[in-house]
Amino acid sequence: MNLDQHENDVVFSQPLPPNGDELCPPLPEELIVEILLRLPVRSLLQFKCICKFWKTLISDPKVVKRHLQFSSSSLIHQRLFFSQLSEPQEIVSYPLKPLFGNLLPPVTSNWVMKNPYYIIGSCNGLLCLYNRYQHCVKLRNPSIMFKSDKSPRAVSLDWMNIQYGFGYDRVNDKYKVLLGLRNKNDPNLTLTKVYTFGDDSWKTIQNFDLTPTRQFSLLGKFVSGTLNWIAKKRGVSSNQSAILILSFDLEKDTYKELLLPQDDGEKVYGHTLYVLNNCLGVCYETNKTHWVVWLMKEYGVVESWTRFMIIPLDKSNKQPAIVIPLFLLENGVVLLVNKYTSQFVLYNLNSGELDYSLDYSSKGISNFRHNLHICCESLVSI
């Protein structure tokens, strides 16, 4: 049996026997697995319908995990998801690859949510959806149309969320959500809840005494089994030394502080966290002249902070510059997004050139300033 591989699909070049269950694999199973790992999810779902052998093989947790590793690093398997802020509430998806070719990506999924759910995180091909009115969450894998049951309500309507995050505890093979909440009647009263998918209740985390402020992003960035926020210490004046990274360990349900990179005495503004190539990063404006982007090459090791990019603000069309890295190609081209202008930017690390021709704000790709997520195709469910 020969396979003809196309960019988005795979077809059989010879007809299958009438009874698919009698189909014997013509290749060693190890070689078949190596081929399957490189195929898109859509093709694998078709293959599962051929016979019991294919269904069992593709559903094997080891194959699912290895396929995820390939998919996570491949551009053609990456998609942009965001919750539109306009009514009716919609979740929209675009393929990532066309953006690197200065092409307008087509809409391929558009969900109208019956309840006000919006995306608060993505991990391993799963999107975590949060209902801020009912304080409950659920998971969805759009590649395989997987939907989880919604969680129990975390708290009563007297609470409002001030921080949230979604990630994966690899040690225990569990997906978790963290909600930081503030009481509407008493602003000094805060509460931190953690939900593990598969459990029936929320767990209260004690002594979570660092709280992100409104000037920073509420969304925790997942990397290396942790959720991370830019935060400031309570009771400390608003100076640079009070700003730090709050890191929550999803395995141990504990938190710690991480120091930001040294700023060499420069005036910095607008700290923003991001994740690129499985590394935590931070970017900010310095002296109102440059946008500086750092990467922590080894998570948790302050000495591993490395300057990744320095972008002069006079190259940003004099627009407000909160430019967040989204994806890095092997050739050194980085896709960024300006969260003020809903504009995508390509930056070449080798030449230092910026390409601003990806302005799609007037073509329907907008309203994503606070909830743009990259999600890879995967076979993962829970």
Protein backbone atom coordinates (compact mmCIF):
# COMPACT_ATOMS: atom_id res chain seq x y z
CA MET A 1 0.00 0.00 0.00
CA ASN A 2 1.53 3.29 -1.11
CA LEU A 3 0.73 6.69 0.31
CA ASP A 4 0.65 9.97 -1.60
CA GLN A 5 1.25 12.81 0.88
CA HIS A 6 -0.23 16.24 0.36
CA GLU A 7 0.14 19.28 2.55
CA ASN A 8 -3.17 18.89 4.37
CA ASP A 9 -4.27 15.34 3.63
CA VAL A 10 -3.17 11.84 2.70
CA VAL A 11 -4.98 9.52 0.31
CA PHE A 12 -4.56 5.87 -0.59
CA SER A 13 -3.21 5.33 -4.08
CA GLN A 14 -4.72 1.82 -4.22
CA PRO A 15 -8.25 0.73 -3.25
CA LEU A 16 -8.68 -1.07 0.06
CA PRO A 17 -10.02 -4.63 0.38
CA PRO A 18 -13.82 -4.90 0.82
CA ASN A 19 -13.41 -5.92 4.45
CA GLY A 20 -11.19 -3.37 6.16
CA ASP A 21 -10.70 -5.55 9.25
CA GLU A 22 -8.86 -8.11 7.11
CA LEU A 23 -6.33 -5.52 5.99
CA CYS A 24 -2.87 -6.58 7.11
CA PRO A 25 -0.21 -3.90 7.53
CA PRO A 26 2.33 -4.31 4.68
CA LEU A 27 5.05 -2.50 6.67
CA PRO A 28 6.55 -3.08 10.11
CA GLU A 29 4.50 -1.39 12.79
CA GLU A 30 7.45 0.77 13.86
CA LEU A 31 7.74 2.22 10.35
CA ILE A 32 3.99 2.78 10.11
CA VAL A 33 4.12 4.75 13.36
CA GLU A 34 6.93 6.94 12.06
CA ILE A 35 4.80 7.76 9.00
CA LEU A 36 1.67 8.45 11.05
CA LEU A 37 3.51 10.83 13.37
CA ARG A 38 4.09 13.23 10.48
CA LEU A 39 0.51 13.32 9.19
CA PRO A 40 -2.19 15.89 9.99
CA VAL A 41 -4.94 14.98 12.42
CA ARG A 42 -7.59 15.01 9.71
CA SER A 43 -5.85 12.17 7.89
CA LEU A 44 -5.37 10.16 11.06
CA LEU A 45 -9.06 10.41 11.90
CA GLN A 46 -9.84 9.02 8.44
CA PHE A 47 -7.35 6.19 8.92
CA LYS A 48 -9.02 5.16 12.20
CA CYS A 49 -12.09 4.19 10.16
CA ILE A 50 -10.17 1.70 8.00
CA CYS A 51 -9.86 -1.21 10.41
CA LYS A 52 -9.36 -2.18 14.04
CA PHE A 53 -5.60 -2.25 13.61
CA TRP A 54 -5.43 1.39 12.49
CA LYS A 55 -7.91 2.54 15.14
CA THR A 56 -6.01 0.80 17.94
CA LEU A 57 -2.64 2.04 16.71
CA ILE A 58 -3.64 5.69 16.25
CA SER A 59 -5.48 5.71 19.60
CA ASP A 60 -2.46 4.37 21.48
CA PRO A 61 -1.46 6.97 24.13
CA LYS A 62 2.21 6.64 23.15
CA VAL A 63 1.37 7.45 19.51
CA VAL A 64 -0.83 10.38 20.61
CA LYS A 65 2.02 11.76 22.70
CA ARG A 66 4.65 11.37 20.00
CA HIS A 67 2.36 12.89 17.37
CA LEU A 68 1.89 15.89 19.66
CA GLN A 69 5.67 16.39 19.78
CA PHE A 70 5.85 16.57 15.98
CA SER A 71 2.76 18.75 15.69
CA SER A 72 3.94 21.24 18.31
CA SER A 73 7.09 22.09 16.36
CA SER A 74 5.56 22.19 12.87
CA LEU A 75 4.23 25.45 11.43
CA ILE A 76 1.56 23.80 9.28
CA HIS A 77 -0.10 22.33 12.38
CA GLN A 78 -0.40 25.66 14.24
CA ARG A 79 -3.60 27.71 14.42
CA LEU A 80 -4.56 31.07 15.90
CA PHE A 81 -7.64 31.10 18.11
CA PHE A 82 -9.29 34.06 19.77
CA SER A 83 -12.58 35.00 21.39
CA GLN A 84 -14.18 37.94 19.64
CA LEU A 85 -15.25 40.68 22.01
CA SER A 86 -18.29 41.66 19.98
CA GLU A 87 -21.72 40.06 20.30
CA PRO A 88 -22.68 37.35 19.64
CA GLN A 89 -19.84 35.68 21.48
CA GLU A 90 -17.71 33.83 18.91
CA ILE A 91 -14.46 31.88 18.86
CA VAL A 92 -12.59 32.23 15.58
CA SER A 93 -9.65 30.26 14.17
CA TYR A 94 -7.09 30.93 11.44
CA PRO A 95 -4.13 28.84 10.18
CA LEU A 96 -0.80 30.34 11.19
CA LYS A 97 1.27 29.47 8.11
CA PRO A 98 -0.26 32.02 5.64
CA LEU A 99 0.82 34.91 7.88
CA PHE A 100 4.47 34.09 7.16
CA GLY A 101 3.74 34.39 3.44
CA ASN A 102 1.94 37.76 3.67
CA LEU A 103 -1.35 36.04 2.92
CA LEU A 104 -4.73 36.55 4.52
CA PRO A 105 -5.59 33.27 6.27
CA PRO A 106 -9.08 31.85 5.71
CA VAL A 107 -11.54 31.36 8.54
CA THR A 108 -11.99 27.64 9.12
CA SER A 109 -13.84 27.52 12.42
CA ASN A 110 -16.32 29.93 13.89
CA TRP A 111 -18.14 28.84 17.04
CA VAL A 112 -21.05 30.78 18.46
CA MET A 113 -21.11 30.06 22.17
CA LYS A 114 -24.51 29.78 23.83
CA ASN A 115 -22.94 30.96 27.06
CA PRO A 116 -20.28 33.68 27.47
CA TYR A 117 -17.25 31.40 27.35
CA TYR A 118 -13.91 32.74 26.21
CA ILE A 119 -10.44 31.22 25.86
CA ILE A 120 -8.10 31.52 28.83
CA GLY A 121 -5.38 29.15 27.66
CA SER A 122 -4.23 26.46 25.25
CA CYS A 123 -2.00 23.47 25.85
CA ASN A 124 -1.27 20.27 23.89
CA GLY A 125 -4.01 21.04 21.38
CA LEU A 126 -6.63 21.69 24.07
CA LEU A 127 -8.39 25.02 24.54
CA CYS A 128 -9.62 25.96 28.01
CA LEU A 129 -12.87 27.95 27.98
CA TYR A 130 -14.00 30.03 30.95
CA ASN A 131 -17.44 31.37 31.83
CA ARG A 132 -16.75 34.44 33.94
CA TYR A 133 -20.38 34.72 35.06
CA GLN A 134 -20.80 31.15 36.25
CA HIS A 135 -17.10 30.76 37.23
CA CYS A 136 -16.81 27.38 35.52
CA VAL A 137 -14.46 25.96 32.86
CA LYS A 138 -14.42 23.27 30.18
CA LEU A 139 -12.00 21.89 27.59
CA ARG A 140 -12.26 21.56 23.83
CA ASN A 141 -9.96 20.03 21.22
CA PRO A 142 -11.15 21.48 17.90
CA SER A 143 -9.01 19.03 15.87
CA ILE A 144 -10.95 15.98 17.02
CA MET A 145 -14.17 17.73 18.15
CA PHE A 146 -13.55 16.72 21.76
CA LYS A 147 -15.60 18.47 24.46
CA SER A 148 -15.31 17.94 28.19
CA ASP A 149 -18.08 18.42 30.72
CA LYS A 150 -18.05 21.79 32.40
CA SER A 151 -16.58 22.05 35.86
CA PRO A 152 -18.56 22.79 39.01
CA ARG A 153 -18.99 26.46 39.89
CA ALA A 154 -15.85 27.74 41.60
CA VAL A 155 -17.48 30.47 43.73
CA SER A 156 -20.67 32.48 44.02
CA LEU A 157 -21.48 35.53 41.90
CA ASP A 158 -20.11 37.79 44.65
CA TRP A 159 -16.61 37.20 43.25
CA MET A 160 -14.86 38.52 40.16
CA ASN A 161 -11.78 37.05 38.49
CA ILE A 162 -8.52 39.02 38.63
CA GLN A 163 -6.17 36.38 37.25
CA TYR A 164 -6.42 33.01 35.54
CA GLY A 165 -4.32 30.40 33.80
CA PHE A 166 -4.44 26.93 32.24
CA GLY A 167 -1.67 24.36 32.02
CA TYR A 168 -0.53 20.77 32.23
CA ASP A 169 0.93 18.88 35.20
CA ARG A 170 3.16 16.41 33.36
CA VAL A 171 4.13 14.46 36.48
CA ASN A 172 0.53 13.52 37.30
CA ASP A 173 -0.76 13.75 33.71
CA LYS A 174 -3.41 16.28 34.73
CA TYR A 175 -4.72 19.53 33.24
CA LYS A 176 -5.36 22.36 35.69
CA VAL A 177 -6.95 25.79 35.84
CA LEU A 178 -6.13 28.52 38.35
CA LEU A 179 -8.53 31.36 39.13
CA GLY A 180 -7.59 34.36 41.24
CA LEU A 181 -10.72 36.09 42.54
CA ARG A 182 -11.62 39.26 44.40
CA ASN A 183 -14.78 39.82 46.41
CA LYS A 184 -17.03 42.47 44.87
CA ASN A 185 -18.18 43.68 48.27
CA ASP A 186 -14.73 43.73 49.89
CA PRO A 187 -11.87 44.52 47.44
CA ASN A 188 -9.30 43.50 50.07
CA LEU A 189 -10.68 39.97 50.20
CA THR A 190 -9.07 37.67 47.61
CA LEU A 191 -9.28 33.96 46.93
CA THR A 192 -7.30 31.53 44.75
CA LYS A 193 -8.94 28.37 43.39
CA VAL A 194 -7.43 25.48 41.39
CA TYR A 195 -9.44 22.95 39.41
CA THR A 196 -8.05 19.66 38.12
CA PHE A 197 -9.95 18.26 35.15
CA GLY A 198 -11.39 14.92 36.15
CA ASP A 199 -12.08 16.04 39.73
CA ASP A 200 -15.46 17.19 41.02
CA SER A 201 -14.39 20.16 43.11
CA TRP A 202 -12.16 23.21 43.29
CA LYS A 203 -9.21 23.40 45.68
CA THR A 204 -8.44 26.57 47.64
CA ILE A 205 -4.78 27.66 47.59
CA GLN A 206 -3.71 29.32 50.83
CA ASN A 207 -1.33 32.30 51.23
CA PHE A 208 -1.24 33.28 47.59
CA ASP A 209 -0.14 36.75 48.62
CA LEU A 210 1.05 38.23 45.32
CA THR A 211 -1.66 39.58 43.09
CA PRO A 212 -1.32 40.84 39.52
CA THR A 213 -2.61 44.39 39.15
CA ARG A 214 -4.96 45.74 36.51
CA GLN A 215 -2.08 47.33 34.60
CA PHE A 216 -0.72 43.86 33.84
CA SER A 217 -2.16 40.91 31.93
CA LEU A 218 -4.54 38.71 33.89
CA LEU A 219 -3.63 35.66 31.82
CA GLY A 220 -0.96 33.36 33.22
CA LYS A 221 1.61 32.04 30.75
CA PHE A 222 2.18 28.29 30.85
CA VAL A 223 5.72 26.95 30.55
CA SER A 224 7.66 24.05 32.15
CA GLY A 225 4.76 22.93 34.33
CA THR A 226 4.14 26.41 35.75
CA LEU A 227 1.82 29.38 35.29
CA ASN A 228 3.42 32.82 35.33
CA TRP A 229 2.21 36.40 35.77
CA ILE A 230 3.81 39.81 35.96
CA ALA A 231 2.94 41.01 39.47
CA LYS A 232 3.93 43.43 42.17
CA LYS A 233 4.37 42.91 45.87
CA ARG A 234 1.56 44.04 48.07
CA GLY A 235 2.25 47.07 50.21
CA VAL A 236 5.21 48.13 48.07
CA SER A 237 5.22 51.43 46.21
CA SER A 238 4.94 51.36 42.43
CA ASN A 239 8.62 51.32 41.56
CA GLN A 240 10.62 49.02 39.37
CA SER A 241 11.96 46.89 42.24
CA ALA A 242 8.40 45.95 43.22
CA ILE A 243 7.71 44.29 39.87
CA LEU A 244 8.47 40.58 39.52
CA ILE A 245 7.20 37.31 38.05
CA LEU A 246 4.81 35.21 40.10
CA SER A 247 5.27 31.51 39.26
CA PHE A 248 2.79 28.80 40.26
CA ASP A 249 3.90 25.14 40.19
CA LEU A 250 1.03 23.01 38.84
CA GLU A 251 2.41 19.77 40.28
CA LYS A 252 2.94 20.97 43.84
CA ASP A 253 0.29 23.76 43.96
CA THR A 254 2.93 26.12 45.33
CA TYR A 255 4.26 29.45 44.12
CA LYS A 256 7.52 31.39 44.10
CA GLU A 257 8.96 34.68 42.85
CA LEU A 258 11.21 35.06 39.82
CA LEU A 259 13.30 38.14 39.16
CA LEU A 260 12.99 40.05 35.91
CA PRO A 261 16.10 40.70 33.77
CA GLN A 262 18.30 43.62 34.81
CA ASP A 263 17.30 46.84 33.05
CA ASP A 264 20.66 48.65 33.45
CA GLY A 265 18.98 51.61 35.12
CA GLU A 266 16.77 52.38 32.12
CA LYS A 267 13.19 53.53 32.50
CA VAL A 268 10.95 50.68 31.45
CA TYR A 269 7.22 50.53 30.80
CA GLY A 270 4.56 47.94 30.05
CA HIS A 271 6.04 44.61 31.12
CA THR A 272 4.39 41.78 29.18
CA LEU A 273 5.02 38.03 29.45
CA TYR A 274 5.05 35.62 26.51
CA VAL A 275 6.18 32.08 25.68
CA LEU A 276 8.32 31.27 22.64
CA ASN A 277 9.90 27.88 21.82
CA ASN A 278 8.94 26.62 25.28
CA CYS A 279 10.85 29.47 26.92
CA LEU A 280 9.38 32.18 29.15
CA GLY A 281 9.98 35.70 27.91
CA VAL A 282 9.31 39.27 28.92
CA CYS A 283 9.19 42.41 26.79
CA TYR A 284 8.86 46.09 27.63
CA GLU A 285 9.42 49.59 26.36
CA THR A 286 12.63 51.24 27.50
CA ASN A 287 13.35 54.98 27.62
CA LYS A 288 10.43 55.38 25.20
CA THR A 289 12.88 54.65 22.38
CA HIS A 290 13.06 50.85 22.08
CA TRP A 291 10.98 47.74 22.59
CA VAL A 292 13.20 45.17 24.32
CA VAL A 293 12.44 41.44 24.23
CA TRP A 294 14.09 38.93 26.60
CA LEU A 295 14.08 35.11 26.80
CA MET A 296 14.74 32.96 29.86
CA LYS A 297 16.70 30.14 28.20
CA GLU A 298 16.50 27.89 31.28
CA TYR A 299 13.28 28.24 33.24
CA GLY A 300 13.73 29.47 36.78
CA VAL A 301 17.40 30.42 36.29
CA VAL A 302 17.67 34.20 36.46
CA GLU A 303 21.18 34.11 34.99
CA SER A 304 19.76 32.62 31.78
CA TRP A 305 17.87 35.82 30.83
CA THR A 306 19.06 36.75 27.32
CA ARG A 307 18.22 39.77 25.15
CA PHE A 308 16.35 38.32 22.19
CA MET A 309 15.34 41.41 20.21
CA ILE A 310 15.69 45.18 20.42
CA ILE A 311 13.23 47.03 18.18
CA PRO A 312 13.58 50.82 17.77
CA LEU A 313 10.21 52.49 18.25
CA ASP A 314 10.78 54.69 15.19
CA LYS A 315 10.43 51.48 13.15
CA SER A 316 6.98 50.72 14.54
CA ASN A 317 5.18 53.37 12.47
CA LYS A 318 4.99 55.49 15.62
CA GLN A 319 2.16 53.32 16.90
CA PRO A 320 1.90 52.31 20.57
CA ALA A 321 4.24 49.35 20.92
CA ILE A 322 3.13 46.29 22.82
CA VAL A 323 4.66 43.86 20.33
CA ILE A 324 4.39 40.24 21.48
CA PRO A 325 6.34 37.35 19.86
CA LEU A 326 4.07 34.51 18.75
CA PHE A 327 6.09 32.02 16.72
CA LEU A 328 9.72 31.57 15.63
CA LEU A 329 10.80 29.82 12.44
CA GLU A 330 14.12 27.99 12.08
CA ASN A 331 15.31 30.63 9.60
CA GLY A 332 15.12 33.32 12.29
CA VAL A 333 11.86 34.97 11.21
CA VAL A 334 9.58 35.84 14.13
CA LEU A 335 5.85 36.50 13.93
CA LEU A 336 4.79 39.25 16.35
CA VAL A 337 1.51 41.02 17.05
CA ASN A 338 0.99 44.61 18.15
CA LYS A 339 -1.77 44.35 20.76
CA TYR A 340 -2.63 48.04 20.39
CA THR A 341 -3.21 48.03 16.65
CA SER A 342 -4.27 44.40 15.99
CA GLN A 343 -1.40 44.29 13.50
CA PHE A 344 0.87 41.33 12.75
CA VAL A 345 4.56 42.00 12.21
CA LEU A 346 7.39 39.85 10.81
CA TYR A 347 10.86 40.44 12.26
CA ASN A 348 14.04 38.94 10.82
CA LEU A 349 16.54 38.21 13.59
CA ASN A 350 19.41 38.03 11.11
CA SER A 351 18.83 41.32 9.27
CA GLY A 352 16.84 43.26 11.88
CA GLU A 353 14.20 44.07 9.25
CA LEU A 354 10.53 44.54 10.12
CA ASP A 355 7.64 43.83 7.76
CA TYR A 356 4.41 45.70 8.52
CA SER A 357 2.45 44.53 5.49
CA LEU A 358 0.42 42.10 7.61
CA ASP A 359 -2.17 44.68 8.69
CA TYR A 360 -5.40 42.68 8.71
CA SER A 361 -7.25 44.78 11.28
CA SER A 362 -9.68 45.96 8.58
CA LYS A 363 -10.23 42.45 7.18
CA GLY A 364 -11.90 40.70 10.09
CA ILE A 365 -8.86 39.68 12.14
CA SER A 366 -9.34 41.98 15.08
CA ASN A 367 -10.72 42.15 18.62
CA PHE A 368 -8.08 39.73 19.86
CA ARG A 369 -5.89 42.09 21.83
CA HIS A 370 -6.22 40.25 25.13
CA ASN A 371 -6.94 36.66 24.16
CA LEU A 372 -4.93 35.52 21.14
CA HIS A 373 -3.78 31.90 21.46
CA ILE A 374 -1.73 29.53 19.33
CA CYS A 375 -3.06 25.98 19.46
CA CYS A 376 -1.53 23.03 17.60
CA GLU A 377 -3.46 20.19 16.01
CA SER A 378 -3.41 17.11 18.24
CA LEU A 379 -5.17 13.86 19.10
CA VAL A 380 -5.21 14.70 22.81
CA SER A 381 -8.33 14.27 24.94
CA ILE A 382 -8.88 13.59 28.63
